[in-house]
N, C-alpha and C. Protein backbone atom coordinates (compact mmCIF):
# COMPACT_ATOMS: atom_id res chain seq x y z
N MET A 1 -55.29 53.08 -10.74
CA MET A 1 -54.77 53.92 -9.66
C MET A 1 -55.69 53.89 -8.45
N ALA A 2 -57.00 54.00 -8.73
CA ALA A 2 -57.99 53.98 -7.65
C ALA A 2 -57.98 52.65 -6.93
N THR A 3 -57.81 51.56 -7.72
CA THR A 3 -57.76 50.22 -7.13
C THR A 3 -56.57 50.09 -6.19
N ALA A 4 -55.42 50.61 -6.62
CA ALA A 4 -54.21 50.56 -5.79
C ALA A 4 -54.41 51.33 -4.49
N ALA A 5 -55.09 52.46 -4.59
CA ALA A 5 -55.35 53.28 -3.40
C ALA A 5 -56.24 52.54 -2.42
N ARG A 6 -57.27 51.84 -2.97
CA ARG A 6 -58.18 51.08 -2.11
C ARG A 6 -57.46 49.93 -1.42
N VAL A 7 -56.58 49.26 -2.17
CA VAL A 7 -55.81 48.15 -1.59
C VAL A 7 -54.90 48.65 -0.48
N THR A 8 -54.26 49.81 -0.71
CA THR A 8 -53.38 50.39 0.30
C THR A 8 -54.16 50.76 1.55
N LEU A 9 -55.34 51.37 1.37
CA LEU A 9 -56.18 51.75 2.50
C LEU A 9 -56.62 50.52 3.27
N LEU A 10 -57.01 49.47 2.56
CA LEU A 10 -57.44 48.23 3.19
C LEU A 10 -56.31 47.63 4.02
N ALA A 11 -55.10 47.67 3.46
CA ALA A 11 -53.94 47.13 4.17
C ALA A 11 -53.68 47.90 5.45
N LEU A 12 -53.83 49.23 5.38
CA LEU A 12 -53.61 50.05 6.56
C LEU A 12 -54.65 49.77 7.64
N LEU A 13 -55.91 49.65 7.21
CA LEU A 13 -56.98 49.35 8.16
C LEU A 13 -56.80 47.98 8.79
N LEU A 14 -56.39 47.01 7.95
CA LEU A 14 -56.16 45.66 8.46
C LEU A 14 -55.02 45.66 9.47
N GLY A 15 -53.99 46.46 9.16
CA GLY A 15 -52.86 46.55 10.07
C GLY A 15 -53.27 47.12 11.41
N LEU A 16 -54.12 48.14 11.38
CA LEU A 16 -54.61 48.72 12.63
C LEU A 16 -55.43 47.72 13.41
N PHE A 17 -56.24 46.94 12.69
CA PHE A 17 -57.09 45.94 13.35
C PHE A 17 -56.25 44.85 14.02
N LEU A 18 -55.22 44.39 13.28
CA LEU A 18 -54.39 43.31 13.80
C LEU A 18 -53.57 43.75 15.01
N HIS A 19 -53.34 45.06 15.13
CA HIS A 19 -52.56 45.54 16.26
C HIS A 19 -53.44 46.09 17.39
N ALA A 20 -54.73 45.85 17.31
CA ALA A 20 -55.62 46.28 18.38
C ALA A 20 -55.28 45.51 19.65
N ASP A 21 -55.44 46.19 20.77
CA ASP A 21 -55.12 45.54 22.05
C ASP A 21 -56.34 44.83 22.60
N TYR A 22 -56.20 43.52 22.81
CA TYR A 22 -57.26 42.73 23.41
C TYR A 22 -56.83 42.22 24.79
N VAL A 23 -55.58 42.50 25.15
CA VAL A 23 -55.04 42.04 26.42
C VAL A 23 -54.52 43.24 27.21
N PHE A 24 -55.04 43.40 28.42
CA PHE A 24 -54.57 44.44 29.33
C PHE A 24 -53.99 43.73 30.54
N ASP A 25 -52.68 43.58 30.53
CA ASP A 25 -52.01 42.69 31.47
C ASP A 25 -51.07 43.46 32.38
N ASP A 26 -51.15 43.16 33.67
CA ASP A 26 -50.32 43.82 34.68
C ASP A 26 -49.13 42.94 35.04
N GLN A 27 -48.35 42.58 34.00
CA GLN A 27 -47.13 41.78 34.17
C GLN A 27 -47.40 40.44 34.85
N ILE A 28 -48.49 39.80 34.44
CA ILE A 28 -48.83 38.48 34.98
C ILE A 28 -48.61 37.41 33.93
N LEU A 29 -49.03 37.68 32.70
CA LEU A 29 -48.90 36.70 31.62
C LEU A 29 -47.58 36.87 30.88
N SER A 30 -47.10 35.79 30.30
CA SER A 30 -45.87 35.84 29.51
C SER A 30 -46.21 36.42 28.12
N PRO A 31 -45.21 36.92 27.40
CA PRO A 31 -45.45 37.44 26.04
C PRO A 31 -46.08 36.40 25.12
N LYS A 32 -45.69 35.14 25.26
CA LYS A 32 -46.25 34.08 24.41
C LYS A 32 -47.74 33.89 24.67
N ALA A 33 -48.14 33.89 25.95
CA ALA A 33 -49.55 33.75 26.30
C ALA A 33 -50.36 34.94 25.77
N THR A 34 -49.79 36.13 25.91
CA THR A 34 -50.45 37.34 25.42
C THR A 34 -50.65 37.28 23.91
N GLU A 35 -49.63 36.81 23.20
CA GLU A 35 -49.71 36.69 21.74
C GLU A 35 -50.80 35.71 21.33
N THR A 36 -50.89 34.60 22.03
CA THR A 36 -51.92 33.60 21.72
C THR A 36 -53.32 34.16 21.93
N ILE A 37 -53.51 34.87 23.02
CA ILE A 37 -54.82 35.47 23.31
C ILE A 37 -55.17 36.51 22.25
N GLN A 38 -54.18 37.30 21.84
CA GLN A 38 -54.41 38.31 20.81
C GLN A 38 -54.94 37.68 19.52
N LYS A 39 -54.32 36.57 19.11
CA LYS A 39 -54.72 35.90 17.87
C LYS A 39 -56.15 35.37 17.97
N ILE A 40 -56.48 34.77 19.11
CA ILE A 40 -57.83 34.25 19.30
C ILE A 40 -58.85 35.39 19.28
N ALA A 41 -58.53 36.47 19.99
CA ALA A 41 -59.44 37.61 20.08
C ALA A 41 -59.65 38.29 18.73
N GLN A 42 -58.60 38.37 17.93
CA GLN A 42 -58.71 38.98 16.61
C GLN A 42 -59.66 38.19 15.71
N GLU A 43 -59.50 36.87 15.72
CA GLU A 43 -60.38 36.04 14.90
C GLU A 43 -61.81 36.09 15.42
N MET A 44 -61.95 36.05 16.73
CA MET A 44 -63.27 36.09 17.34
C MET A 44 -64.00 37.37 16.96
N SER A 45 -63.30 38.50 17.04
CA SER A 45 -63.91 39.78 16.70
C SER A 45 -64.29 39.84 15.22
N ALA A 46 -63.39 39.37 14.36
CA ALA A 46 -63.63 39.44 12.91
C ALA A 46 -64.79 38.56 12.48
N ARG A 47 -64.93 37.39 13.09
CA ARG A 47 -65.90 36.42 12.59
C ARG A 47 -67.22 36.38 13.36
N THR A 48 -67.22 36.81 14.63
CA THR A 48 -68.46 36.77 15.40
C THR A 48 -69.04 38.16 15.64
N GLY A 49 -68.22 39.19 15.47
CA GLY A 49 -68.70 40.54 15.74
C GLY A 49 -68.68 40.90 17.21
N ILE A 50 -68.18 39.98 18.04
CA ILE A 50 -68.08 40.22 19.48
C ILE A 50 -66.61 40.32 19.87
N ASN A 51 -66.28 41.35 20.61
CA ASN A 51 -64.89 41.56 21.01
C ASN A 51 -64.60 40.87 22.34
N GLY A 52 -63.53 40.12 22.37
CA GLY A 52 -63.12 39.43 23.58
C GLY A 52 -61.84 40.02 24.14
N TYR A 53 -61.83 40.29 25.44
CA TYR A 53 -60.66 40.90 26.07
C TYR A 53 -60.24 40.08 27.30
N VAL A 54 -58.97 40.23 27.65
CA VAL A 54 -58.45 39.64 28.88
C VAL A 54 -57.83 40.78 29.69
N VAL A 55 -58.24 40.88 30.95
CA VAL A 55 -57.68 41.88 31.87
C VAL A 55 -57.13 41.14 33.08
N THR A 56 -55.85 41.33 33.37
CA THR A 56 -55.26 40.75 34.57
C THR A 56 -54.64 41.88 35.39
N THR A 57 -54.60 41.72 36.69
CA THR A 57 -54.04 42.77 37.53
C THR A 57 -53.39 42.18 38.77
N THR A 58 -52.34 42.84 39.23
CA THR A 58 -51.67 42.42 40.46
C THR A 58 -52.31 43.09 41.68
N ARG A 59 -53.29 43.94 41.42
CA ARG A 59 -54.00 44.59 42.53
C ARG A 59 -54.80 43.57 43.33
N THR A 60 -55.16 43.98 44.53
CA THR A 60 -56.05 43.17 45.35
C THR A 60 -57.44 43.80 45.30
N ILE A 61 -58.41 43.02 44.87
CA ILE A 61 -59.79 43.49 44.80
C ILE A 61 -60.61 42.69 45.81
N GLY A 62 -61.12 43.35 46.80
CA GLY A 62 -61.85 42.67 47.88
C GLY A 62 -63.12 41.99 47.40
N ARG A 63 -63.60 41.06 48.22
CA ARG A 63 -64.81 40.31 47.87
C ARG A 63 -66.01 41.22 47.68
N GLY A 64 -66.07 42.29 48.42
CA GLY A 64 -67.21 43.19 48.31
C GLY A 64 -67.10 44.17 47.16
N GLU A 65 -65.93 44.23 46.54
CA GLU A 65 -65.72 45.16 45.44
C GLU A 65 -66.18 44.55 44.12
N SER A 66 -66.77 45.36 43.28
CA SER A 66 -67.27 44.88 41.99
C SER A 66 -66.17 44.87 40.94
N LEU A 67 -66.09 43.77 40.21
CA LEU A 67 -65.14 43.69 39.10
C LEU A 67 -65.53 44.68 38.00
N TYR A 68 -66.83 44.93 37.87
CA TYR A 68 -67.30 45.89 36.87
C TYR A 68 -66.79 47.30 37.20
N ALA A 69 -66.73 47.62 38.49
CA ALA A 69 -66.22 48.93 38.89
C ALA A 69 -64.74 49.05 38.52
N PHE A 70 -63.99 47.96 38.70
CA PHE A 70 -62.57 47.97 38.34
C PHE A 70 -62.40 48.09 36.82
N LEU A 71 -63.33 47.47 36.08
CA LEU A 71 -63.25 47.49 34.62
C LEU A 71 -63.42 48.90 34.06
N ASP A 72 -63.99 49.81 34.84
CA ASP A 72 -64.18 51.19 34.39
C ASP A 72 -62.86 51.83 33.96
N HIS A 73 -61.75 51.36 34.53
CA HIS A 73 -60.44 51.91 34.18
C HIS A 73 -60.08 51.61 32.72
N TYR A 74 -60.71 50.59 32.14
CA TYR A 74 -60.34 50.15 30.79
C TYR A 74 -61.42 50.42 29.75
N LYS A 75 -62.58 50.90 30.17
CA LYS A 75 -63.72 51.01 29.26
C LYS A 75 -63.44 51.84 28.02
N SER A 76 -62.59 52.84 28.13
CA SER A 76 -62.30 53.69 26.98
C SER A 76 -61.53 52.92 25.90
N ASN A 77 -60.96 51.77 26.26
CA ASN A 77 -60.21 50.95 25.31
C ASN A 77 -61.00 49.75 24.81
N LEU A 78 -62.24 49.60 25.26
CA LEU A 78 -63.05 48.45 24.88
C LEU A 78 -64.09 48.85 23.84
N SER A 79 -64.28 47.98 22.87
CA SER A 79 -65.29 48.21 21.83
C SER A 79 -66.47 47.28 22.05
N LYS A 80 -67.67 47.85 22.06
CA LYS A 80 -68.87 47.04 22.24
C LYS A 80 -69.28 46.38 20.93
N PRO A 81 -69.97 45.23 21.01
CA PRO A 81 -70.22 44.43 22.20
C PRO A 81 -68.96 43.68 22.63
N TYR A 82 -68.81 43.46 23.93
CA TYR A 82 -67.60 42.78 24.39
C TYR A 82 -67.87 41.83 25.55
N VAL A 83 -66.96 40.88 25.68
CA VAL A 83 -66.89 40.01 26.86
C VAL A 83 -65.45 40.12 27.36
N VAL A 84 -65.29 40.19 28.67
CA VAL A 84 -63.97 40.36 29.26
C VAL A 84 -63.72 39.25 30.27
N LEU A 85 -62.61 38.55 30.09
CA LEU A 85 -62.17 37.57 31.08
C LEU A 85 -61.20 38.30 32.01
N MET A 86 -61.58 38.46 33.27
CA MET A 86 -60.75 39.19 34.23
C MET A 86 -60.16 38.22 35.25
N PHE A 87 -58.84 38.33 35.45
CA PHE A 87 -58.13 37.44 36.36
C PHE A 87 -57.38 38.28 37.39
N VAL A 88 -57.72 38.05 38.68
CA VAL A 88 -57.11 38.79 39.78
C VAL A 88 -56.49 37.79 40.75
N PRO A 89 -55.27 37.31 40.47
CA PRO A 89 -54.68 36.23 41.27
C PRO A 89 -54.47 36.58 42.74
N ASN A 90 -54.13 37.82 43.06
CA ASN A 90 -53.90 38.19 44.47
C ASN A 90 -55.17 38.13 45.30
N SER A 91 -56.31 38.19 44.63
CA SER A 91 -57.60 38.08 45.33
C SER A 91 -58.28 36.74 45.05
N LYS A 92 -57.60 35.89 44.27
CA LYS A 92 -58.15 34.59 43.88
C LYS A 92 -59.54 34.75 43.26
N ARG A 93 -59.64 35.70 42.34
CA ARG A 93 -60.91 35.96 41.67
C ARG A 93 -60.74 35.89 40.16
N ILE A 94 -61.73 35.32 39.53
CA ILE A 94 -61.79 35.29 38.08
C ILE A 94 -63.25 35.52 37.68
N GLY A 95 -63.45 36.40 36.72
CA GLY A 95 -64.82 36.72 36.34
C GLY A 95 -64.95 36.97 34.85
N ILE A 96 -66.17 36.86 34.36
CA ILE A 96 -66.47 37.17 32.96
C ILE A 96 -67.46 38.32 32.95
N LEU A 97 -67.06 39.43 32.37
CA LEU A 97 -67.87 40.64 32.36
C LEU A 97 -68.32 40.95 30.93
N VAL A 98 -69.54 41.41 30.79
CA VAL A 98 -70.10 41.64 29.45
C VAL A 98 -70.65 43.05 29.33
N SER A 99 -70.70 43.53 28.08
CA SER A 99 -71.24 44.87 27.82
C SER A 99 -72.76 44.86 27.79
N ASP A 100 -73.34 43.66 27.59
CA ASP A 100 -74.79 43.52 27.55
C ASP A 100 -75.17 42.19 28.19
N PRO A 101 -76.13 42.17 29.11
CA PRO A 101 -76.51 40.93 29.80
C PRO A 101 -76.90 39.80 28.86
N SER A 102 -77.41 40.11 27.67
CA SER A 102 -77.83 39.06 26.74
C SER A 102 -76.65 38.19 26.30
N LEU A 103 -75.44 38.72 26.37
CA LEU A 103 -74.26 37.96 25.95
C LEU A 103 -73.97 36.80 26.89
N LYS A 104 -74.52 36.84 28.10
CA LYS A 104 -74.28 35.76 29.06
C LYS A 104 -74.88 34.43 28.61
N THR A 105 -75.84 34.51 27.69
CA THR A 105 -76.47 33.28 27.19
C THR A 105 -75.61 32.60 26.13
N TYR A 106 -74.53 33.23 25.72
CA TYR A 106 -73.68 32.70 24.66
C TYR A 106 -72.65 31.70 25.17
N TYR A 107 -72.47 31.62 26.48
CA TYR A 107 -71.42 30.76 27.04
C TYR A 107 -71.83 30.24 28.42
N ASP A 108 -71.14 29.20 28.86
CA ASP A 108 -71.36 28.61 30.18
C ASP A 108 -70.32 29.21 31.14
N ASP A 109 -70.76 30.09 32.01
CA ASP A 109 -69.86 30.80 32.92
C ASP A 109 -69.01 29.84 33.76
N GLY A 110 -69.66 28.85 34.35
CA GLY A 110 -68.95 27.90 35.21
C GLY A 110 -67.93 27.07 34.45
N ARG A 111 -68.30 26.64 33.25
CA ARG A 111 -67.40 25.81 32.46
C ARG A 111 -66.14 26.58 32.04
N VAL A 112 -66.32 27.84 31.63
CA VAL A 112 -65.18 28.65 31.22
C VAL A 112 -64.23 28.87 32.39
N LYS A 113 -64.76 29.23 33.54
CA LYS A 113 -63.93 29.48 34.72
C LYS A 113 -63.22 28.20 35.17
N GLU A 114 -63.89 27.07 34.99
CA GLU A 114 -63.31 25.80 35.43
C GLU A 114 -61.98 25.51 34.73
N TYR A 115 -61.87 25.92 33.48
CA TYR A 115 -60.62 25.71 32.75
C TYR A 115 -59.46 26.38 33.48
N ALA A 116 -59.69 27.61 33.95
CA ALA A 116 -58.63 28.34 34.65
C ALA A 116 -58.43 27.80 36.06
N ILE A 117 -59.51 27.57 36.78
CA ILE A 117 -59.42 27.17 38.18
C ILE A 117 -58.72 25.82 38.34
N ARG A 118 -59.07 24.85 37.51
CA ARG A 118 -58.46 23.52 37.64
C ARG A 118 -56.96 23.55 37.34
N ILE A 119 -56.58 24.32 36.34
CA ILE A 119 -55.17 24.36 35.95
C ILE A 119 -54.35 25.18 36.94
N ILE A 120 -54.84 26.36 37.29
CA ILE A 120 -54.09 27.23 38.20
C ILE A 120 -54.02 26.62 39.60
N GLY A 121 -55.08 25.94 40.00
CA GLY A 121 -55.10 25.35 41.34
C GLY A 121 -54.60 23.92 41.41
N SER A 122 -54.07 23.39 40.32
CA SER A 122 -53.62 21.99 40.31
C SER A 122 -52.37 21.79 41.19
N PRO A 123 -52.30 20.67 41.91
CA PRO A 123 -51.17 20.42 42.82
C PRO A 123 -49.99 19.77 42.11
N ASP A 124 -49.47 20.42 41.08
CA ASP A 124 -48.32 19.86 40.37
C ASP A 124 -47.11 20.77 40.58
N LYS A 125 -45.99 20.40 39.97
CA LYS A 125 -44.74 21.13 40.19
C LYS A 125 -44.48 22.21 39.15
N ASN A 126 -45.43 22.48 38.28
CA ASN A 126 -45.26 23.54 37.30
C ASN A 126 -45.18 24.90 38.01
N SER A 127 -44.46 25.82 37.41
CA SER A 127 -44.31 27.14 38.01
C SER A 127 -45.64 27.88 37.99
N LEU A 128 -45.78 28.85 38.90
CA LEU A 128 -47.00 29.65 38.95
C LEU A 128 -47.20 30.40 37.65
N GLN A 129 -46.10 30.84 37.04
CA GLN A 129 -46.18 31.54 35.75
C GLN A 129 -46.81 30.65 34.69
N SER A 130 -46.35 29.38 34.65
CA SER A 130 -46.90 28.45 33.66
C SER A 130 -48.38 28.20 33.89
N LYS A 131 -48.77 28.07 35.15
CA LYS A 131 -50.17 27.84 35.47
C LYS A 131 -51.03 29.03 35.07
N TYR A 132 -50.55 30.24 35.34
CA TYR A 132 -51.29 31.44 34.95
C TYR A 132 -51.45 31.48 33.43
N ASP A 133 -50.35 31.24 32.72
CA ASP A 133 -50.38 31.29 31.26
C ASP A 133 -51.38 30.28 30.69
N VAL A 134 -51.23 29.03 31.09
CA VAL A 134 -52.08 27.96 30.54
C VAL A 134 -53.53 28.15 30.97
N GLY A 135 -53.74 28.45 32.26
CA GLY A 135 -55.10 28.59 32.76
C GLY A 135 -55.88 29.70 32.09
N VAL A 136 -55.28 30.87 31.96
CA VAL A 136 -55.96 32.03 31.37
C VAL A 136 -56.17 31.81 29.87
N VAL A 137 -55.14 31.30 29.18
CA VAL A 137 -55.28 31.06 27.74
C VAL A 137 -56.37 30.03 27.46
N GLN A 138 -56.38 28.93 28.22
CA GLN A 138 -57.38 27.89 27.99
C GLN A 138 -58.79 28.39 28.28
N ALA A 139 -58.93 29.17 29.36
CA ALA A 139 -60.26 29.70 29.69
C ALA A 139 -60.75 30.66 28.61
N PHE A 140 -59.87 31.52 28.13
CA PHE A 140 -60.28 32.47 27.08
C PHE A 140 -60.59 31.74 25.78
N SER A 141 -59.80 30.71 25.50
CA SER A 141 -60.04 29.92 24.29
C SER A 141 -61.42 29.25 24.35
N GLU A 142 -61.75 28.70 25.51
CA GLU A 142 -63.06 28.07 25.68
C GLU A 142 -64.18 29.10 25.55
N LEU A 143 -63.98 30.29 26.13
CA LEU A 143 -64.97 31.36 26.03
C LEU A 143 -65.21 31.73 24.57
N ALA A 144 -64.13 31.90 23.81
CA ALA A 144 -64.26 32.25 22.40
C ALA A 144 -64.96 31.14 21.61
N ASP A 145 -64.60 29.89 21.89
CA ASP A 145 -65.22 28.77 21.19
C ASP A 145 -66.72 28.68 21.45
N GLU A 146 -67.12 28.88 22.69
CA GLU A 146 -68.54 28.78 23.03
C GLU A 146 -69.35 29.91 22.38
N ILE A 147 -68.79 31.10 22.35
CA ILE A 147 -69.48 32.22 21.70
C ILE A 147 -69.59 31.97 20.20
N ALA A 148 -68.51 31.46 19.62
CA ALA A 148 -68.53 31.16 18.18
C ALA A 148 -69.53 30.05 17.87
N GLU A 149 -69.57 29.03 18.72
CA GLU A 149 -70.51 27.92 18.52
C GLU A 149 -71.95 28.41 18.58
N HIS A 150 -72.21 29.34 19.48
CA HIS A 150 -73.55 29.92 19.60
C HIS A 150 -73.98 30.57 18.29
N LYS A 151 -73.01 31.09 17.54
CA LYS A 151 -73.29 31.74 16.26
C LYS A 151 -73.10 30.80 15.07
N GLY A 152 -72.82 29.51 15.35
CA GLY A 152 -72.65 28.55 14.27
C GLY A 152 -71.33 28.68 13.54
N ILE A 153 -70.31 29.14 14.25
CA ILE A 153 -68.99 29.36 13.65
C ILE A 153 -67.95 28.51 14.37
N VAL A 154 -66.98 28.04 13.62
CA VAL A 154 -65.85 27.30 14.21
C VAL A 154 -64.59 28.14 14.03
N LEU A 155 -63.97 28.51 15.14
CA LEU A 155 -62.77 29.32 15.09
C LEU A 155 -61.54 28.45 14.85
N GLU A 156 -60.55 29.01 14.17
CA GLU A 156 -59.34 28.25 13.85
C GLU A 156 -58.19 28.51 14.81
N GLN A 157 -58.19 29.66 15.47
CA GLN A 157 -57.07 30.03 16.33
C GLN A 157 -57.19 29.50 17.75
N THR A 158 -58.36 29.01 18.13
CA THR A 158 -58.54 28.53 19.49
C THR A 158 -57.86 27.18 19.70
N ILE A 159 -57.69 26.80 20.96
CA ILE A 159 -57.01 25.55 21.30
C ILE A 159 -57.88 24.73 22.24
N LYS A 160 -59.13 24.62 21.88
CA LYS A 160 -60.09 23.93 22.75
C LYS A 160 -59.73 22.48 22.98
N ASP A 161 -59.35 21.76 21.91
CA ASP A 161 -59.03 20.34 22.07
C ASP A 161 -57.85 20.16 23.01
N GLU A 162 -56.84 20.99 22.85
CA GLU A 162 -55.68 20.92 23.72
C GLU A 162 -56.08 21.26 25.15
N GLY A 163 -56.95 22.27 25.26
CA GLY A 163 -57.40 22.66 26.59
C GLY A 163 -58.16 21.56 27.27
N SER A 164 -59.04 20.87 26.53
CA SER A 164 -59.79 19.76 27.10
C SER A 164 -58.85 18.67 27.57
N TRP A 165 -57.81 18.42 26.78
CA TRP A 165 -56.84 17.39 27.14
C TRP A 165 -56.12 17.76 28.42
N VAL A 166 -55.75 19.04 28.55
CA VAL A 166 -55.05 19.49 29.75
C VAL A 166 -55.94 19.36 30.98
N VAL A 167 -57.19 19.81 30.84
CA VAL A 167 -58.12 19.74 31.96
C VAL A 167 -58.36 18.29 32.39
N LYS A 168 -58.53 17.39 31.40
CA LYS A 168 -58.73 15.97 31.73
C LYS A 168 -57.51 15.38 32.42
N LEU A 169 -56.31 15.77 31.95
CA LEU A 169 -55.09 15.27 32.56
C LEU A 169 -54.99 15.71 34.01
N VAL A 170 -55.27 17.00 34.25
CA VAL A 170 -55.21 17.52 35.61
C VAL A 170 -56.23 16.81 36.50
N THR A 171 -57.43 16.58 35.95
CA THR A 171 -58.47 15.88 36.70
C THR A 171 -58.02 14.48 37.09
N TRP A 172 -57.44 13.75 36.14
CA TRP A 172 -56.96 12.40 36.43
C TRP A 172 -55.83 12.41 37.44
N MET A 173 -54.97 13.42 37.38
CA MET A 173 -53.88 13.53 38.35
C MET A 173 -54.45 13.69 39.77
N VAL A 174 -55.49 14.50 39.88
CA VAL A 174 -56.13 14.72 41.19
C VAL A 174 -56.76 13.42 41.68
N TYR A 175 -57.47 12.70 40.77
CA TYR A 175 -58.10 11.44 41.15
C TYR A 175 -57.06 10.42 41.60
N ILE A 176 -55.99 10.27 40.82
CA ILE A 176 -54.95 9.30 41.16
C ILE A 176 -54.29 9.66 42.47
N GLY A 177 -54.03 10.95 42.67
CA GLY A 177 -53.43 11.39 43.94
C GLY A 177 -54.33 11.06 45.11
N SER A 178 -55.63 11.27 44.94
CA SER A 178 -56.59 10.97 46.02
C SER A 178 -56.62 9.47 46.32
N LEU A 179 -56.57 8.65 45.26
CA LEU A 179 -56.57 7.20 45.46
C LEU A 179 -55.31 6.73 46.18
N LEU A 180 -54.17 7.32 45.82
CA LEU A 180 -52.92 6.96 46.48
C LEU A 180 -52.95 7.31 47.96
N VAL A 181 -53.47 8.50 48.27
CA VAL A 181 -53.57 8.92 49.67
C VAL A 181 -54.50 7.97 50.43
N PHE A 182 -55.62 7.62 49.82
CA PHE A 182 -56.57 6.70 50.46
C PHE A 182 -55.92 5.34 50.71
N TRP A 183 -55.16 4.85 49.71
CA TRP A 183 -54.53 3.54 49.85
C TRP A 183 -53.48 3.54 50.96
N VAL A 184 -52.64 4.59 51.00
CA VAL A 184 -51.56 4.64 52.00
C VAL A 184 -52.10 4.75 53.42
N TYR A 185 -53.12 5.59 53.60
CA TYR A 185 -53.59 5.86 54.97
C TYR A 185 -54.75 4.98 55.43
N PHE A 186 -55.50 4.42 54.48
CA PHE A 186 -56.67 3.63 54.87
C PHE A 186 -56.67 2.23 54.27
N GLY A 187 -56.52 2.14 52.97
CA GLY A 187 -56.62 0.85 52.29
C GLY A 187 -55.56 -0.15 52.71
N ARG A 188 -54.30 0.27 52.69
CA ARG A 188 -53.21 -0.65 53.01
C ARG A 188 -53.29 -1.14 54.47
N PRO A 189 -53.46 -0.24 55.45
CA PRO A 189 -53.59 -0.72 56.83
C PRO A 189 -54.76 -1.68 57.02
N LEU A 190 -55.90 -1.39 56.36
CA LEU A 190 -57.07 -2.26 56.47
C LEU A 190 -56.79 -3.62 55.85
N TYR A 191 -56.12 -3.61 54.69
CA TYR A 191 -55.74 -4.86 54.02
C TYR A 191 -54.85 -5.71 54.91
N LYS A 192 -53.87 -5.06 55.55
CA LYS A 192 -52.96 -5.80 56.43
C LYS A 192 -53.69 -6.39 57.62
N ARG A 193 -54.61 -5.61 58.20
CA ARG A 193 -55.36 -6.12 59.36
C ARG A 193 -56.19 -7.33 58.99
N ILE A 194 -56.85 -7.24 57.82
CA ILE A 194 -57.67 -8.36 57.38
C ILE A 194 -56.82 -9.57 57.07
N ARG A 195 -55.73 -9.35 56.36
CA ARG A 195 -54.86 -10.47 55.95
C ARG A 195 -54.22 -11.15 57.16
N TYR A 196 -53.55 -10.35 57.99
CA TYR A 196 -52.85 -10.94 59.12
C TYR A 196 -53.81 -11.34 60.25
N GLY A 197 -54.98 -10.70 60.26
CA GLY A 197 -55.98 -11.10 61.26
C GLY A 197 -56.48 -12.50 60.98
N LYS A 198 -56.70 -12.83 59.69
CA LYS A 198 -57.17 -14.16 59.33
C LYS A 198 -56.12 -15.23 59.61
N GLN A 199 -54.83 -14.85 59.38
CA GLN A 199 -53.75 -15.80 59.64
C GLN A 199 -53.64 -16.11 61.13
N ASP A 200 -53.81 -15.06 61.95
CA ASP A 200 -53.74 -15.27 63.38
C ASP A 200 -54.87 -16.15 63.88
N GLY A 201 -56.00 -16.09 63.20
CA GLY A 201 -57.15 -16.91 63.60
C GLY A 201 -56.95 -18.32 63.22
C-alpha cells in the first residue's frame, strides 16, 4: 500500500514538472516551436540542474533599456539557477540572461546568438513566422547543448546537428548570392571587356 502511494505521489510530482512553463511567449512563436523548447528545457533542467527559459515579447525595448529590468516581470516564475534566452524582434534584440554571472562560462554567447541572427536575418522567402520559430529554437537548442557539454552530459531532446546544418545552409546561400551579385555587376562585364578587347586588338 505504501509503495503504491509513493508511486502515485511520484507520478503527480513528475506531472507537475513536465507541465512547468519554460516559455513565456507574447504570441511570437508557433505552438510547435513552443513545444520543442519545452521538451529541451525539461531535459536540460532534469539532467544539468540548470533551468533554461525562453522569453519573447512584442514590446519595444530601447537600446538604453536593460533586458534584465524587463525580466523582472517574470522572475517570480523562474527557478534558480537559470539562463534565459530573450528575443525582442521589434527592437531587433536578442540576449542571454543568467541568475548568476558564473553561468556565463558555460556557453559561448556569440555562438548561441549567431544561430538566431543568421536564420532570422537570412534573405530567403521563408515567412517571418518560420524564421522566428527556427531561429529561436535553434539558438535555445545550442544554448542547452553547450551547458550540458560543460557538465559532461549529452542531451537527447536538442537538435544541434539539424541546427548546424541549417546555419551552414544559410551561410552558403549568402555566399552564393554574393558571388552571383559580384559576377553580374563586376565579373561578367570585366570578362567581356577583356575578351572583346583582345579581339579588337
